[in-house]
């Protein structure tokens, strides 16, 4: 299970990266006078998928994601929902998101943390 601290750090970085990607997309769209330019960090989707290993998608989201007005999938899990839209009722920050997901998925297992040093990982936790 991913530690609460590591989850919070990752989600906060994902949220910052999404905001930066949207800003850069707007700047390029304005610069070239073309709507719809979309920039996405190459690490955004894989990191969300990695977090979803511990917090799998269930229910309606597992079937189709959340669809927007134009028919595009806006987000496919609560992690993306938080990064795209921010807080919602019951989830005020990344720590609240972690608590929400732990309770939703009924995960109360042992936390394991990894520390990477010079390309090697060491495992701690019990």
C-alpha atoms as a PDB file:
ATOM      1  CA  UNK A   1       0.000   0.000   0.000  1.00  0.00           C
ATOM      2  CA  UNK A   2       1.321   3.423  -0.866  1.00  0.00           C
ATOM      3  CA  UNK A   3       1.992   5.581   2.173  1.00  0.00           C
ATOM      4  CA  UNK A   4      -0.293   8.536   2.844  1.00  0.00           C
ATOM      5  CA  UNK A   5       2.630  10.970   2.608  1.00  0.00           C
ATOM      6  CA  UNK A   6       3.843   9.632  -0.748  1.00  0.00           C
ATOM      7  CA  UNK A   7       0.297   9.619  -2.146  1.00  0.00           C
ATOM      8  CA  UNK A   8      -0.217  13.247  -1.079  1.00  0.00           C
ATOM      9  CA  UNK A   9       3.093  14.303  -2.612  1.00  0.00           C
ATOM     10  CA  UNK A  10       2.298  12.554  -5.909  1.00  0.00           C
ATOM     11  CA  UNK A  11      -1.244  13.941  -6.147  1.00  0.00           C
ATOM     12  CA  UNK A  12      -0.101  17.483  -5.356  1.00  0.00           C
ATOM     13  CA  UNK A  13       2.554  17.213  -8.082  1.00  0.00           C
ATOM     14  CA  UNK A  14      -0.021  15.822 -10.527  1.00  0.00           C
ATOM     15  CA  UNK A  15      -2.319  18.727  -9.722  1.00  0.00           C
ATOM     16  CA  UNK A  16       0.498  21.247 -10.309  1.00  0.00           C
ATOM     17  CA  UNK A  17       1.507  19.541 -13.559  1.00  0.00           C
ATOM     18  CA  UNK A  18      -2.067  19.544 -14.848  1.00  0.00           C
ATOM     19  CA  UNK A  19      -2.385  23.285 -14.110  1.00  0.00           C
ATOM     20  CA  UNK A  20       0.940  23.945 -15.866  1.00  0.00           C
ATOM     21  CA  UNK A  21      -0.107  21.853 -18.877  1.00  0.00           C
ATOM     22  CA  UNK A  22      -3.391  23.778 -19.157  1.00  0.00           C
ATOM     23  CA  UNK A  23      -1.552  27.107 -18.894  1.00  0.00           C
ATOM     24  CA  UNK A  24       0.983  26.102 -21.567  1.00  0.00           C
ATOM     25  CA  UNK A  25      -1.820  24.836 -23.809  1.00  0.00           C
ATOM     26  CA  UNK A  26      -3.590  28.184 -23.532  1.00  0.00           C
ATOM     27  CA  UNK A  27      -0.396  30.156 -24.214  1.00  0.00           C
ATOM     28  CA  UNK A  28       0.303  28.124 -27.361  1.00  0.00           C
ATOM     29  CA  UNK A  29      -3.322  28.363 -28.508  1.00  0.00           C
ATOM     30  CA  UNK A  30      -3.226  32.150 -28.066  1.00  0.00           C
ATOM     31  CA  UNK A  31       0.191  32.445 -29.710  1.00  0.00           C
ATOM     32  CA  UNK A  32      -0.827  30.524 -32.822  1.00  0.00           C
ATOM     33  CA  UNK A  33      -4.474  31.590 -32.860  1.00  0.00           C
ATOM     34  CA  UNK A  34      -5.622  27.981 -32.897  1.00  0.00           C
ATOM     35  CA  UNK A  35      -8.032  26.537 -30.362  1.00  0.00           C
ATOM     36  CA  UNK A  36      -7.659  23.049 -28.998  1.00  0.00           C
ATOM     37  CA  UNK A  37      -3.887  22.769 -28.583  1.00  0.00           C
ATOM     38  CA  UNK A  38      -3.455  20.383 -25.682  1.00  0.00           C
ATOM     39  CA  UNK A  39      -0.211  19.647 -23.887  1.00  0.00           C
ATOM     40  CA  UNK A  40       0.078  16.743 -21.466  1.00  0.00           C
ATOM     41  CA  UNK A  41       3.126  15.716 -19.494  1.00  0.00           C
ATOM     42  CA  UNK A  42       4.405  12.308 -20.557  1.00  0.00           C
ATOM     43  CA  UNK A  43       4.517  11.209 -16.916  1.00  0.00           C
ATOM     44  CA  UNK A  44       1.004  12.314 -15.925  1.00  0.00           C
ATOM     45  CA  UNK A  45      -0.952   9.279 -17.188  1.00  0.00           C
ATOM     46  CA  UNK A  46       1.562   6.626 -16.035  1.00  0.00           C
ATOM     47  CA  UNK A  47       1.691   8.124 -12.543  1.00  0.00           C
ATOM     48  CA  UNK A  48      -2.115   8.129 -12.294  1.00  0.00           C
ATOM     49  CA  UNK A  49      -2.129   4.488 -13.457  1.00  0.00           C
ATOM     50  CA  UNK A  50       0.466   3.619 -10.830  1.00  0.00           C
ATOM     51  CA  UNK A  51      -1.618   5.203  -8.053  1.00  0.00           C
ATOM     52  CA  UNK A  52      -4.662   3.328  -9.375  1.00  0.00           C
ATOM     53  CA  UNK A  53      -2.874   0.049  -8.595  1.00  0.00           C
ATOM     54  CA  UNK A  54      -3.692   0.773  -4.946  1.00  0.00           C
ATOM     55  CA  UNK A  55      -6.979   2.558  -5.654  1.00  0.00           C
ATOM     56  CA  UNK A  56      -8.662   0.766  -8.558  1.00  0.00           C
ATOM     57  CA  UNK A  57     -11.522   2.355 -10.454  1.00  0.00           C
ATOM     58  CA  UNK A  58     -14.934   0.962  -9.543  1.00  0.00           C
ATOM     59  CA  UNK A  59     -18.597   1.570 -10.302  1.00  0.00           C
ATOM     60  CA  UNK A  60     -19.723   3.850 -13.132  1.00  0.00           C
ATOM     61  CA  UNK A  61     -16.197   5.195 -13.650  1.00  0.00           C
ATOM     62  CA  UNK A  62     -14.900   1.696 -14.401  1.00  0.00           C
ATOM     63  CA  UNK A  63     -17.379   1.399 -17.262  1.00  0.00           C
ATOM     64  CA  UNK A  64     -16.946   4.673 -19.106  1.00  0.00           C
ATOM     65  CA  UNK A  65     -15.331   7.403 -17.031  1.00  0.00           C
ATOM     66  CA  UNK A  66     -17.071  10.721 -16.565  1.00  0.00           C
ATOM     67  CA  UNK A  67     -18.240  12.195 -19.856  1.00  0.00           C
ATOM     68  CA  UNK A  68     -18.359  15.949 -20.502  1.00  0.00           C
ATOM     69  CA  UNK A  69     -20.751  18.051 -22.571  1.00  0.00           C
ATOM     70  CA  UNK A  70     -18.914  17.376 -25.833  1.00  0.00           C
ATOM     71  CA  UNK A  71     -18.872  13.628 -25.286  1.00  0.00           C
ATOM     72  CA  UNK A  72     -15.192  13.575 -24.285  1.00  0.00           C
ATOM     73  CA  UNK A  73     -14.167  11.644 -21.196  1.00  0.00           C
ATOM     74  CA  UNK A  74     -13.242  14.293 -18.657  1.00  0.00           C
ATOM     75  CA  UNK A  75     -11.637  11.991 -16.114  1.00  0.00           C
ATOM     76  CA  UNK A  76     -11.671   8.283 -15.413  1.00  0.00           C
ATOM     77  CA  UNK A  77     -11.040   8.138 -11.660  1.00  0.00           C
ATOM     78  CA  UNK A  78     -11.234  10.187  -8.479  1.00  0.00           C
ATOM     79  CA  UNK A  79      -7.513  10.946  -8.634  1.00  0.00           C
ATOM     80  CA  UNK A  80      -7.958  12.680 -11.995  1.00  0.00           C
ATOM     81  CA  UNK A  81     -11.175  14.301 -10.785  1.00  0.00           C
ATOM     82  CA  UNK A  82      -9.259  15.896  -7.904  1.00  0.00           C
ATOM     83  CA  UNK A  83      -6.377  17.012 -10.130  1.00  0.00           C
ATOM     84  CA  UNK A  84      -8.737  18.516 -12.727  1.00  0.00           C
ATOM     85  CA  UNK A  85     -11.440  20.005 -10.513  1.00  0.00           C
ATOM     86  CA  UNK A  86      -9.936  20.335  -7.047  1.00  0.00           C
ATOM     87  CA  UNK A  87     -11.848  19.665  -3.850  1.00  0.00           C
ATOM     88  CA  UNK A  88     -15.414  18.399  -3.648  1.00  0.00           C
ATOM     89  CA  UNK A  89     -17.796  17.652  -0.782  1.00  0.00           C
ATOM     90  CA  UNK A  90     -15.909  15.498   1.709  1.00  0.00           C
ATOM     91  CA  UNK A  91     -12.531  15.884  -0.042  1.00  0.00           C
ATOM     92  CA  UNK A  92     -10.785  19.145   0.773  1.00  0.00           C
ATOM     93  CA  UNK A  93      -7.169  18.313  -0.094  1.00  0.00           C
ATOM     94  CA  UNK A  94      -4.885  15.475  -1.238  1.00  0.00           C
ATOM     95  CA  UNK A  95      -4.911  13.986   2.273  1.00  0.00           C
ATOM     96  CA  UNK A  96      -8.693  13.990   2.222  1.00  0.00           C
ATOM     97  CA  UNK A  97      -8.587  12.261  -1.161  1.00  0.00           C
ATOM     98  CA  UNK A  98      -6.338   9.552   0.279  1.00  0.00           C
ATOM     99  CA  UNK A  99      -8.713   9.016   3.213  1.00  0.00           C
ATOM    100  CA  UNK A 100     -11.719   8.965   0.863  1.00  0.00           C
ATOM    101  CA  UNK A 101     -10.091   6.366  -1.411  1.00  0.00           C
ATOM    102  CA  UNK A 102      -8.923   4.184   1.486  1.00  0.00           C
ATOM    103  CA  UNK A 103     -12.449   4.137   2.910  1.00  0.00           C
ATOM    104  CA  UNK A 104     -14.074   3.652  -0.504  1.00  0.00           C
ATOM    105  CA  UNK A 105     -11.882   0.713  -1.452  1.00  0.00           C
ATOM    106  CA  UNK A 106     -11.800  -0.602   2.120  1.00  0.00           C
ATOM    107  CA  UNK A 107      -8.016  -0.736   2.066  1.00  0.00           C
ATOM    108  CA  UNK A 108      -6.439  -0.777   5.473  1.00  0.00           C
ATOM    109  CA  UNK A 109      -3.332  -2.788   4.800  1.00  0.00           C
ATOM    110  CA  UNK A 110       0.255  -2.351   5.858  1.00  0.00           C
ATOM    111  CA  UNK A 111       2.059   0.639   4.452  1.00  0.00           C
ATOM    112  CA  UNK A 112       5.302  -0.005   2.614  1.00  0.00           C
ATOM    113  CA  UNK A 113       7.689   2.739   1.632  1.00  0.00           C
ATOM    114  CA  UNK A 114      10.501   2.678  -0.863  1.00  0.00           C
ATOM    115  CA  UNK A 115      13.554   4.858  -0.872  1.00  0.00           C
ATOM    116  CA  UNK A 116      15.502   5.061  -4.121  1.00  0.00           C
ATOM    117  CA  UNK A 117      19.228   5.615  -3.862  1.00  0.00           C
ATOM    118  CA  UNK A 118      21.532   5.531  -6.900  1.00  0.00           C
ATOM    119  CA  UNK A 119      19.206   3.388  -8.975  1.00  0.00           C
ATOM    120  CA  UNK A 120      18.560   0.833  -6.222  1.00  0.00           C
ATOM    121  CA  UNK A 121      15.507   0.604  -4.027  1.00  0.00           C
ATOM    122  CA  UNK A 122      15.304  -0.418  -0.423  1.00  0.00           C
ATOM    123  CA  UNK A 123      12.086  -1.640   1.125  1.00  0.00           C
ATOM    124  CA  UNK A 124      10.955  -0.720   4.595  1.00  0.00           C
ATOM    125  CA  UNK A 125       7.776  -1.281   6.569  1.00  0.00           C
ATOM    126  CA  UNK A 126       6.145  -4.174   8.326  1.00  0.00           C
END
